[in-house]
Amino acid sequence: MTVSPNPTDSSTVRINFKMAYATNIDYFVSTMDGKIVLDGEIEDTTQGDNSMNFELDGIANQTVIITFIFDNKFYVSQKVIVK
Protein backbone atom coordinates (compact mmCIF):
# COMPACT_ATOMS: atom_id res chain seq x y z
CA MET A 1 0.00 0.00 0.00
CA THR A 2 1.24 3.47 -0.84
CA VAL A 3 -0.24 6.77 0.32
CA SER A 4 0.36 10.10 -1.39
CA PRO A 5 0.98 12.84 -0.72
CA ASN A 6 2.70 11.94 2.52
CA PRO A 7 3.11 14.20 4.44
CA THR A 8 -0.11 15.94 3.46
CA ASP A 9 -1.83 19.20 4.27
CA SER A 10 -5.06 18.03 2.62
CA SER A 11 -7.95 16.02 4.07
CA THR A 12 -7.78 13.70 1.03
CA VAL A 13 -4.94 11.30 0.18
CA ARG A 14 -4.56 8.83 -2.67
CA ILE A 15 -4.10 5.16 -1.72
CA ASN A 16 -2.76 2.60 -4.19
CA PHE A 17 -2.80 -1.10 -3.36
CA LYS A 18 -2.68 -4.48 -5.08
CA MET A 19 -5.11 -7.32 -4.35
CA ALA A 20 -4.51 -11.01 -5.02
CA TYR A 21 -8.30 -11.46 -5.39
CA ALA A 22 -11.47 -9.36 -5.29
CA THR A 23 -12.81 -8.81 -1.77
CA ASN A 24 -14.17 -6.18 0.59
CA ILE A 25 -11.71 -4.48 2.93
CA ASP A 26 -12.29 -3.28 6.47
CA TYR A 27 -10.21 -0.29 7.50
CA PHE A 28 -9.45 1.88 10.48
CA VAL A 29 -7.40 5.01 11.04
CA SER A 30 -5.69 5.31 14.41
CA THR A 31 -3.56 7.89 16.18
CA MET A 32 -0.07 7.03 17.36
CA ASP A 33 -1.43 6.34 20.85
CA GLY A 34 -3.89 3.75 19.46
CA LYS A 35 -7.14 5.72 19.44
CA ILE A 36 -9.33 4.79 16.45
CA VAL A 37 -10.55 8.00 14.78
CA LEU A 38 -12.13 6.56 11.60
CA ASP A 39 -13.29 3.13 10.49
CA GLY A 40 -15.38 1.55 7.79
CA GLU A 41 -15.48 -0.81 4.83
CA ILE A 42 -14.28 -0.49 1.24
CA GLU A 43 -16.45 -2.47 -1.16
CA ASP A 44 -15.88 -3.76 -4.66
CA THR A 45 -12.10 -3.95 -4.83
CA THR A 46 -10.82 -5.88 -7.82
CA GLN A 47 -8.02 -8.35 -8.35
CA GLY A 48 -4.81 -6.53 -9.26
CA ASP A 49 -4.08 -2.82 -8.92
CA ASN A 50 -6.56 -0.60 -7.06
CA SER A 51 -6.49 3.12 -6.41
CA MET A 52 -8.80 5.37 -4.42
CA ASN A 53 -9.14 8.75 -2.79
CA PHE A 54 -9.31 8.39 0.98
CA GLU A 55 -10.82 11.07 3.23
CA LEU A 56 -9.10 11.99 6.50
CA ASP A 57 -11.88 14.31 7.68
CA GLY A 58 -11.31 15.97 11.04
CA ILE A 59 -7.66 14.90 11.28
CA ALA A 60 -4.99 17.61 11.44
CA ASN A 61 -1.54 18.18 12.90
CA GLN A 62 -0.75 14.58 13.77
CA THR A 63 0.60 11.30 12.46
CA VAL A 64 -2.01 8.59 11.90
CA ILE A 65 -1.87 4.98 10.79
CA ILE A 66 -4.22 3.73 8.06
CA THR A 67 -4.79 -0.02 8.37
CA PHE A 68 -6.55 -2.25 5.80
CA ILE A 69 -7.79 -5.67 6.96
CA PHE A 70 -8.51 -8.54 4.54
CA ASP A 71 -10.46 -11.69 5.46
CA ASN A 72 -10.37 -10.69 9.15
CA LYS A 73 -6.78 -11.93 9.44
CA PHE A 74 -4.40 -10.18 7.01
CA TYR A 75 -3.53 -6.53 7.35
CA VAL A 76 -1.34 -3.81 5.93
CA SER A 77 -0.66 -0.41 7.52
CA GLN A 78 0.84 2.90 6.45
CA LYS A 79 1.78 5.92 8.55
CA VAL A 80 0.57 9.28 7.25
CA ILE A 81 1.68 12.68 8.52
CA VAL A 82 -1.22 15.14 8.40
CA LYS A 83 -0.15 18.78 8.71
PDB file of N, CA and C in Angstrom:
ATOM      1  N   MET A   1       0.851  -1.161   0.000  1.00  0.00           N
ATOM      2  CA  MET A   1       0.000   0.000   0.000  1.00  0.00           C
ATOM      3  C   MET A   1       0.902   1.230   0.000  1.00  0.00           C
ATOM      4  N   THR A   2       0.562   2.199  -0.847  1.00  0.00           N
ATOM      5  CA  THR A   2       1.240   3.475  -0.836  1.00  0.00           C
ATOM      6  C   THR A   2       0.220   4.587  -0.643  1.00  0.00           C
ATOM      7  N   VAL A   3       0.621   5.630   0.048  1.00  0.00           N
ATOM      8  CA  VAL A   3      -0.241   6.774   0.320  1.00  0.00           C
ATOM      9  C   VAL A   3       0.473   8.024  -0.163  1.00  0.00           C
ATOM     10  N   SER A   4      -0.237   8.849  -0.932  1.00  0.00           N
ATOM     11  CA  SER A   4       0.365  10.099  -1.388  1.00  0.00           C
ATOM     12  C   SER A   4      -0.694  11.202  -1.422  1.00  0.00           C
ATOM     13  N   PRO A   5      -0.340  12.441  -1.206  1.00  0.00           N
ATOM     14  CA  PRO A   5       0.979  12.838  -0.721  1.00  0.00           C
ATOM     15  C   PRO A   5       1.160  12.473   0.748  1.00  0.00           C
ATOM     16  N   ASN A   6       2.376  12.259   1.130  1.00  0.00           N
ATOM     17  CA  ASN A   6       2.696  11.938   2.517  1.00  0.00           C
ATOM     18  C   ASN A   6       4.083  12.513   2.821  1.00  0.00           C
ATOM     19  N   PRO A   7       4.152  13.558   3.628  1.00  0.00           N
ATOM     20  CA  PRO A   7       3.115  14.197   4.441  1.00  0.00           C
ATOM     21  C   PRO A   7       2.107  14.955   3.573  1.00  0.00           C
ATOM     22  N   THR A   8       0.946  15.247   4.176  1.00  0.00           N
ATOM     23  CA  THR A   8      -0.110  15.943   3.462  1.00  0.00           C
ATOM     24  C   THR A   8      -0.660  17.098   4.289  1.00  0.00           C
ATOM     25  N   ASP A   9      -1.113  18.115   3.596  1.00  0.00           N
ATOM     26  CA  ASP A   9      -1.828  19.196   4.270  1.00  0.00           C
ATOM     27  C   ASP A   9      -3.273  19.244   3.782  1.00  0.00           C
ATOM     28  N   SER A  10      -3.701  18.161   3.136  1.00  0.00           N
ATOM     29  CA  SER A  10      -5.056  18.032   2.615  1.00  0.00           C
ATOM     30  C   SER A  10      -5.822  16.994   3.435  1.00  0.00           C
ATOM     31  N   SER A  11      -7.152  17.046   3.385  1.00  0.00           N
ATOM     32  CA  SER A  11      -7.948  16.024   4.073  1.00  0.00           C
ATOM     33  C   SER A  11      -8.166  14.801   3.190  1.00  0.00           C
ATOM     34  N   THR A  12      -7.631  14.831   1.959  1.00  0.00           N
ATOM     35  CA  THR A  12      -7.777  13.705   1.034  1.00  0.00           C
ATOM     36  C   THR A  12      -6.397  13.222   0.601  1.00  0.00           C
ATOM     37  N   VAL A  13      -6.176  11.912   0.688  1.00  0.00           N
ATOM     38  CA  VAL A  13      -4.945  11.304   0.179  1.00  0.00           C
ATOM     39  C   VAL A  13      -5.320  10.242  -0.848  1.00  0.00           C
ATOM     40  N   ARG A  14      -4.369   9.878  -1.665  1.00  0.00           N
ATOM     41  CA  ARG A  14      -4.562   8.828  -2.669  1.00  0.00           C
ATOM     42  C   ARG A  14      -3.888   7.567  -2.156  1.00  0.00           C
ATOM     43  N   ILE A  15      -4.643   6.453  -2.153  1.00  0.00           N
ATOM     44  CA  ILE A  15      -4.097   5.163  -1.716  1.00  0.00           C
ATOM     45  C   ILE A  15      -4.071   4.214  -2.907  1.00  0.00           C
ATOM     46  N   ASN A  16      -2.920   3.613  -3.140  1.00  0.00           N
ATOM     47  CA  ASN A  16      -2.758   2.603  -4.187  1.00  0.00           C
ATOM     48  C   ASN A  16      -2.414   1.282  -3.504  1.00  0.00           C
ATOM     49  N   PHE A  17      -3.075   0.212  -3.949  1.00  0.00           N
ATOM     50  CA  PHE A  17      -2.803  -1.097  -3.360  1.00  0.00           C
ATOM     51  C   PHE A  17      -3.109  -2.182  -4.379  1.00  0.00           C
ATOM     52  N   LYS A  18      -2.507  -3.341  -4.177  1.00  0.00           N
ATOM     53  CA  LYS A  18      -2.681  -4.480  -5.083  1.00  0.00           C
ATOM     54  C   LYS A  18      -3.364  -5.610  -4.329  1.00  0.00           C
ATOM     55  N   MET A  19      -4.362  -6.210  -4.965  1.00  0.00           N
ATOM     56  CA  MET A  19      -5.112  -7.316  -4.354  1.00  0.00           C
ATOM     57  C   MET A  19      -4.855  -8.611  -5.122  1.00  0.00           C
ATOM     58  N   ALA A  20      -4.680  -9.705  -4.396  1.00  0.00           N
ATOM     59  CA  ALA A  20      -4.509 -11.012  -5.021  1.00  0.00           C
ATOM     60  C   ALA A  20      -5.848 -11.540  -5.551  1.00  0.00           C
ATOM     61  N   TYR A  21      -6.952 -11.042  -4.983  1.00  0.00           N
ATOM     62  CA  TYR A  21      -8.296 -11.459  -5.392  1.00  0.00           C
ATOM     63  C   TYR A  21      -9.274 -10.358  -4.999  1.00  0.00           C
ATOM     64  N   ALA A  22     -10.449 -10.359  -5.606  1.00  0.00           N
ATOM     65  CA  ALA A  22     -11.472  -9.361  -5.291  1.00  0.00           C
ATOM     66  C   ALA A  22     -12.095  -9.664  -3.932  1.00  0.00           C
ATOM     67  N   THR A  23     -12.214  -8.640  -3.090  1.00  0.00           N
ATOM     68  CA  THR A  23     -12.807  -8.806  -1.766  1.00  0.00           C
ATOM     69  C   THR A  23     -13.156  -7.435  -1.202  1.00  0.00           C
ATOM     70  N   ASN A  24     -13.942  -7.415  -0.153  1.00  0.00           N
ATOM     71  CA  ASN A  24     -14.173  -6.185   0.590  1.00  0.00           C
ATOM     72  C   ASN A  24     -13.066  -6.025   1.624  1.00  0.00           C
ATOM     73  N   ILE A  25     -12.784  -4.783   1.994  1.00  0.00           N
ATOM     74  CA  ILE A  25     -11.711  -4.479   2.933  1.00  0.00           C
ATOM     75  C   ILE A  25     -12.285  -3.683   4.091  1.00  0.00           C
ATOM     76  N   ASP A  26     -11.996  -4.101   5.302  1.00  0.00           N
ATOM     77  CA  ASP A  26     -12.288  -3.276   6.471  1.00  0.00           C
ATOM     78  C   ASP A  26     -11.085  -2.377   6.695  1.00  0.00           C
ATOM     79  N   TYR A  27     -11.321  -1.179   7.227  1.00  0.00           N
ATOM     80  CA  TYR A  27     -10.213  -0.285   7.503  1.00  0.00           C
ATOM     81  C   TYR A  27     -10.452   0.464   8.805  1.00  0.00           C
ATOM     82  N   PHE A  28      -9.362   0.926   9.389  1.00  0.00           N
ATOM     83  CA  PHE A  28      -9.451   1.883  10.481  1.00  0.00           C
ATOM     84  C   PHE A  28      -8.251   2.821  10.416  1.00  0.00           C
ATOM     85  N   VAL A  29      -8.455   4.014  10.943  1.00  0.00           N
ATOM     86  CA  VAL A  29      -7.402   5.014  11.042  1.00  0.00           C
ATOM     87  C   VAL A  29      -7.206   5.279  12.524  1.00  0.00           C
ATOM     88  N   SER A  30      -5.969   5.142  12.985  1.00  0.00           N
ATOM     89  CA  SER A  30      -5.694   5.308  14.412  1.00  0.00           C
ATOM     90  C   SER A  30      -4.588   6.337  14.619  1.00  0.00           C
ATOM     91  N   THR A  31      -4.616   6.963  15.786  1.00  0.00           N
ATOM     92  CA  THR A  31      -3.560   7.890  16.178  1.00  0.00           C
ATOM     93  C   THR A  31      -2.367   7.074  16.665  1.00  0.00           C
ATOM     94  N   MET A  32      -1.267   7.741  16.903  1.00  0.00           N
ATOM     95  CA  MET A  32      -0.066   7.032  17.356  1.00  0.00           C
ATOM     96  C   MET A  32      -0.234   6.433  18.745  1.00  0.00           C
ATOM     97  N   ASP A  33      -1.190   6.927  19.528  1.00  0.00           N
ATOM     98  CA  ASP A  33      -1.434   6.340  20.850  1.00  0.00           C
ATOM     99  C   ASP A  33      -2.525   5.262  20.813  1.00  0.00           C
ATOM    100  N   GLY A  34      -2.976   4.874  19.609  1.00  0.00           N
ATOM    101  CA  GLY A  34      -3.889   3.746  19.463  1.00  0.00           C
ATOM    102  C   GLY A  34      -5.365   4.076  19.403  1.00  0.00           C
ATOM    103  N   LYS A  35      -5.727   5.336  19.499  1.00  0.00           N
ATOM    104  CA  LYS A  35      -7.138   5.723  19.436  1.00  0.00           C
ATOM    105  C   LYS A  35      -7.637   5.632  17.993  1.00  0.00           C
ATOM    106  N   ILE A  36      -8.744   4.911  17.779  1.00  0.00           N
ATOM    107  CA  ILE A  36      -9.325   4.791  16.450  1.00  0.00           C
ATOM    108  C   ILE A  36     -10.175   6.027  16.181  1.00  0.00           C
ATOM    109  N   VAL A  37      -9.847   6.756  15.101  1.00  0.00           N
ATOM    110  CA  VAL A  37     -10.545   8.002  14.784  1.00  0.00           C
ATOM    111  C   VAL A  37     -11.470   7.859  13.576  1.00  0.00           C
ATOM    112  N   LEU A  38     -11.256   6.867  12.737  1.00  0.00           N
ATOM    113  CA  LEU A  38     -12.125   6.565  11.598  1.00  0.00           C
ATOM    114  C   LEU A  38     -12.135   5.062  11.378  1.00  0.00           C
ATOM    115  N   ASP A  39     -13.257   4.529  10.905  1.00  0.00           N
ATOM    116  CA  ASP A  39     -13.287   3.129  10.494  1.00  0.00           C
ATOM    117  C   ASP A  39     -14.414   2.927   9.495  1.00  0.00           C
ATOM    118  N   GLY A  40     -14.354   1.823   8.774  1.00  0.00           N
ATOM    119  CA  GLY A  40     -15.379   1.546   7.787  1.00  0.00           C
ATOM    120  C   GLY A  40     -15.012   0.370   6.910  1.00  0.00           C
ATOM    121  N   GLU A  41     -15.688   0.290   5.760  1.00  0.00           N
ATOM    122  CA  GLU A  41     -15.484  -0.807   4.825  1.00  0.00           C
ATOM    123  C   GLU A  41     -15.345  -0.241   3.417  1.00  0.00           C
ATOM    124  N   ILE A  42     -14.457  -0.826   2.653  1.00  0.00           N
ATOM    125  CA  ILE A  42     -14.277  -0.491   1.244  1.00  0.00           C
ATOM    126  C   ILE A  42     -14.815  -1.664   0.452  1.00  0.00           C
ATOM    127  N   GLU A  43     -15.808  -1.396  -0.386  1.00  0.00           N
ATOM    128  CA  GLU A  43     -16.450  -2.467  -1.157  1.00  0.00           C
ATOM    129  C   GLU A  43     -15.950  -2.467  -2.593  1.00  0.00           C
ATOM    130  N   ASP A  44     -16.106  -3.614  -3.225  1.00  0.00           N
ATOM    131  CA  ASP A  44     -15.875  -3.760  -4.661  1.00  0.00           C
ATOM    132  C   ASP A  44     -14.441  -3.521  -5.100  1.00  0.00           C
ATOM    133  N   THR A  45     -13.466  -3.981  -4.323  1.00  0.00           N
ATOM    134  CA  THR A  45     -12.104  -3.954  -4.830  1.00  0.00           C
ATOM    135  C   THR A  45     -11.976  -5.048  -5.889  1.00  0.00           C
ATOM    136  N   THR A  46     -11.010  -4.900  -6.757  1.00  0.00           N
ATOM    137  CA  THR A  46     -10.817  -5.876  -7.824  1.00  0.00           C
ATOM    138  C   THR A  46      -9.460  -6.549  -7.672  1.00  0.00           C
ATOM    139  N   GLN A  47      -9.317  -7.683  -8.329  1.00  0.00           N
ATOM    140  CA  GLN A  47      -8.016  -8.347  -8.351  1.00  0.00           C
ATOM    141  C   GLN A  47      -7.040  -7.461  -9.115  1.00  0.00           C
ATOM    142  N   GLY A  48      -5.823  -7.349  -8.608  1.00  0.00           N
ATOM    143  CA  GLY A  48      -4.809  -6.534  -9.257  1.00  0.00           C
ATOM    144  C   GLY A  48      -4.688  -5.161  -8.623  1.00  0.00           C
ATOM    145  N   ASP A  49      -4.325  -4.174  -9.420  1.00  0.00           N
ATOM    146  CA  ASP A  49      -4.077  -2.819  -8.921  1.00  0.00           C
ATOM    147  C   ASP A  49      -5.387  -2.094  -8.617  1.00  0.00           C
ATOM    148  N   ASN A  50      -5.420  -1.425  -7.478  1.00  0.00           N
ATOM    149  CA  ASN A  50      -6.558  -0.605  -7.055  1.00  0.00           C
ATOM    150  C   ASN A  50      -6.029   0.752  -6.621  1.00  0.00           C
ATOM    151  N   SER A  51      -6.855   1.780  -6.798  1.00  0.00           N
ATOM    152  CA  SER A  51      -6.485   3.124  -6.410  1.00  0.00           C
ATOM    153  C   SER A  51      -7.743   3.855  -5.975  1.00  0.00           C
ATOM    154  N   MET A  52      -7.626   4.661  -4.913  1.00  0.00           N
ATOM    155  CA  MET A  52      -8.800   5.375  -4.417  1.00  0.00           C
ATOM    156  C   MET A  52      -8.392   6.624  -3.676  1.00  0.00           C
ATOM    157  N   ASN A  53      -9.301   7.593  -3.663  1.00  0.00           N
ATOM    158  CA  ASN A  53      -9.142   8.752  -2.792  1.00  0.00           C
ATOM    159  C   ASN A  53      -9.667   8.362  -1.426  1.00  0.00           C
ATOM    160  N   PHE A  54      -8.966   8.769  -0.381  1.00  0.00           N
ATOM    161  CA  PHE A  54      -9.305   8.393   0.984  1.00  0.00           C
ATOM    162  C   PHE A  54      -9.411   9.664   1.814  1.00  0.00           C
ATOM    163  N   GLU A  55     -10.553   9.860   2.454  1.00  0.00           N
ATOM    164  CA  GLU A  55     -10.818  11.067   3.233  1.00  0.00           C
ATOM    165  C   GLU A  55     -10.299  10.920   4.666  1.00  0.00           C
ATOM    166  N   LEU A  56      -9.591  11.929   5.124  1.00  0.00           N
ATOM    167  CA  LEU A  56      -9.101  11.990   6.501  1.00  0.00           C
ATOM    168  C   LEU A  56      -9.786  13.155   7.213  1.00  0.00           C
ATOM    169  N   ASP A  57     -11.097  13.207   7.114  1.00  0.00           N
ATOM    170  CA  ASP A  57     -11.877  14.309   7.683  1.00  0.00           C
ATOM    171  C   ASP A  57     -11.657  14.447   9.180  1.00  0.00           C
ATOM    172  N   GLY A  58     -11.447  15.678   9.612  1.00  0.00           N
ATOM    173  CA  GLY A  58     -11.307  15.967  11.037  1.00  0.00           C
ATOM    174  C   GLY A  58      -9.948  15.636  11.626  1.00  0.00           C
ATOM    175  N   ILE A  59      -9.000  15.247  10.790  1.00  0.00           N
ATOM    176  CA  ILE A  59      -7.662  14.902  11.282  1.00  0.00           C
ATOM    177  C   ILE A  59      -6.693  15.988  10.832  1.00  0.00           C
ATOM    178  N   ALA A  60      -5.968  16.567  11.779  1.00  0.00           N
ATOM    179  CA  ALA A  60      -4.994  17.606  11.442  1.00  0.00           C
ATOM    180  C   ALA A  60      -3.872  17.604  12.473  1.00  0.00           C
ATOM    181  N   ASN A  61      -2.701  17.984  12.035  1.00  0.00           N
ATOM    182  CA  ASN A  61      -1.540  18.182  12.904  1.00  0.00           C
ATOM    183  C   ASN A  61      -1.174  16.948  13.726  1.00  0.00           C
ATOM    184  N   GLN A  62      -1.170  15.790  13.071  1.00  0.00           N
ATOM    185  CA  GLN A  62      -0.752  14.577  13.771  1.00  0.00           C
ATOM    186  C   GLN A  62      -0.371  13.492  12.766  1.00  0.00           C
ATOM    187  N   THR A  63       0.286  12.485  13.264  1.00  0.00           N
ATOM    188  CA  THR A  63       0.597  11.304  12.465  1.00  0.00           C
ATOM    189  C   THR A  63      -0.446  10.248  12.780  1.00  0.00           C
ATOM    190  N   VAL A  64      -1.018   9.658  11.729  1.00  0.00           N
ATOM    191  CA  VAL A  64      -2.009   8.595  11.903  1.00  0.00           C
ATOM    192  C   VAL A  64      -1.547   7.356  11.150  1.00  0.00           C
ATOM    193  N   ILE A  65      -2.171   6.242  11.458  1.00  0.00           N
ATOM    194  CA  ILE A  65      -1.872   4.981  10.789  1.00  0.00           C
ATOM    195  C   ILE A  65      -3.150   4.494  10.125  1.00  0.00           C
ATOM    196  N   ILE A  66      -3.095   4.304   8.799  1.00  0.00           N
ATOM    197  CA  ILE A  66      -4.218   3.729   8.057  1.00  0.00           C
ATOM    198  C   ILE A  66      -3.961   2.229   7.961  1.00  0.00           C
ATOM    199  N   THR A  67      -4.929   1.433   8.396  1.00  0.00           N
ATOM    200  CA  THR A  67      -4.792  -0.023   8.367  1.00  0.00           C
ATOM    201  C   THR A  67      -5.926  -0.631   7.559  1.00  0.00           C
ATOM    202  N   PHE A  68      -5.580  -1.471   6.577  1.00  0.00           N
ATOM    203  CA  PHE A  68      -6.546  -2.247   5.798  1.00  0.00           C
ATOM    204  C   PHE A  68      -6.511  -3.680   6.314  1.00  0.00           C
ATOM    205  N   ILE A  69      -7.683  -4.296   6.468  1.00  0.00           N
ATOM    206  CA  ILE A  69      -7.787  -5.673   6.960  1.00  0.00           C
ATOM    207  C   ILE A  69      -8.528  -6.512   5.921  1.00  0.00           C
ATOM    208  N   PHE A  70      -7.936  -7.638   5.533  1.00  0.00           N
ATOM    209  CA  PHE A  70      -8.512  -8.542   4.544  1.00  0.00           C
ATOM    210  C   PHE A  70      -8.865  -9.864   5.213  1.00  0.00           C
ATOM    211  N   ASP A  71     -10.045 -10.373   4.954  1.00  0.00           N
ATOM    212  CA  ASP A  71     -10.465 -11.693   5.460  1.00  0.00           C
ATOM    213  C   ASP A  71     -10.356 -11.819   6.974  1.00  0.00           C
ATOM    214  N   ASN A  72     -10.439 -10.717   7.691  1.00  0.00           N
ATOM    215  CA  ASN A  72     -10.369 -10.690   9.151  1.00  0.00           C
ATOM    216  C   ASN A  72      -9.078 -11.274   9.728  1.00  0.00           C
ATOM    217  N   LYS A  73      -8.017 -11.398   8.897  1.00  0.00           N
ATOM    218  CA  LYS A  73      -6.779 -11.933   9.444  1.00  0.00           C
ATOM    219  C   LYS A  73      -5.511 -11.345   8.831  1.00  0.00           C
ATOM    220  N   PHE A  74      -5.577 -10.789   7.636  1.00  0.00           N
ATOM    221  CA  PHE A  74      -4.404 -10.185   7.008  1.00  0.00           C
ATOM    222  C   PHE A  74      -4.545  -8.674   7.074  1.00  0.00           C
ATOM    223  N   TYR A  75      -3.438  -7.981   7.292  1.00  0.00           N
ATOM    224  CA  TYR A  75      -3.532  -6.534   7.351  1.00  0.00           C
ATOM    225  C   TYR A  75      -2.279  -5.876   6.783  1.00  0.00           C
ATOM    226  N   VAL A  76      -2.454  -4.628   6.380  1.00  0.00           N
ATOM    227  CA  VAL A  76      -1.341  -3.808   5.926  1.00  0.00           C
ATOM    228  C   VAL A  76      -1.600  -2.405   6.472  1.00  0.00           C
ATOM    229  N   SER A  77      -0.538  -1.734   6.915  1.00  0.00           N
ATOM    230  CA  SER A  77      -0.663  -0.408   7.516  1.00  0.00           C
ATOM    231  C   SER A  77       0.332   0.562   6.895  1.00  0.00           C
ATOM    232  N   GLN A  78      -0.034   1.843   6.944  1.00  0.00           N
ATOM    233  CA  GLN A  78       0.843   2.897   6.445  1.00  0.00           C
ATOM    234  C   GLN A  78       0.688   4.126   7.326  1.00  0.00           C
ATOM    235  N   LYS A  79       1.812   4.673   7.792  1.00  0.00           N
ATOM    236  CA  LYS A  79       1.783   5.923   8.550  1.00  0.00           C
ATOM    237  C   LYS A  79       1.599   7.095   7.604  1.00  0.00           C
ATOM    238  N   VAL A  80       0.797   8.079   8.035  1.00  0.00           N
ATOM    239  CA  VAL A  80       0.566   9.285   7.251  1.00  0.00           C
ATOM    240  C   VAL A  80       0.716  10.492   8.181  1.00  0.00           C
ATOM    241  N   ILE A  81       1.522  11.445   7.762  1.00  0.00           N
ATOM    242  CA  ILE A  81       1.685  12.681   8.520  1.00  0.00           C
ATOM    243  C   ILE A  81       0.706  13.702   7.948  1.00  0.00           C
ATOM    244  N   VAL A  82      -0.226  14.160   8.796  1.00  0.00           N
ATOM    245  CA  VAL A  82      -1.223  15.143   8.401  1.00  0.00           C
ATOM    246  C   VAL A  82      -0.841  16.465   9.036  1.00  0.00           C
ATOM    247  N   LYS A  83      -0.578  17.460   8.204  1.00  0.00           N
ATOM    248  CA  LYS A  83      -0.154  18.776   8.708  1.00  0.00           C
ATOM    249  C   LYS A  83      -1.350  19.643   9.040  1.00  0.00           C
TER     250      LYS A  83
END
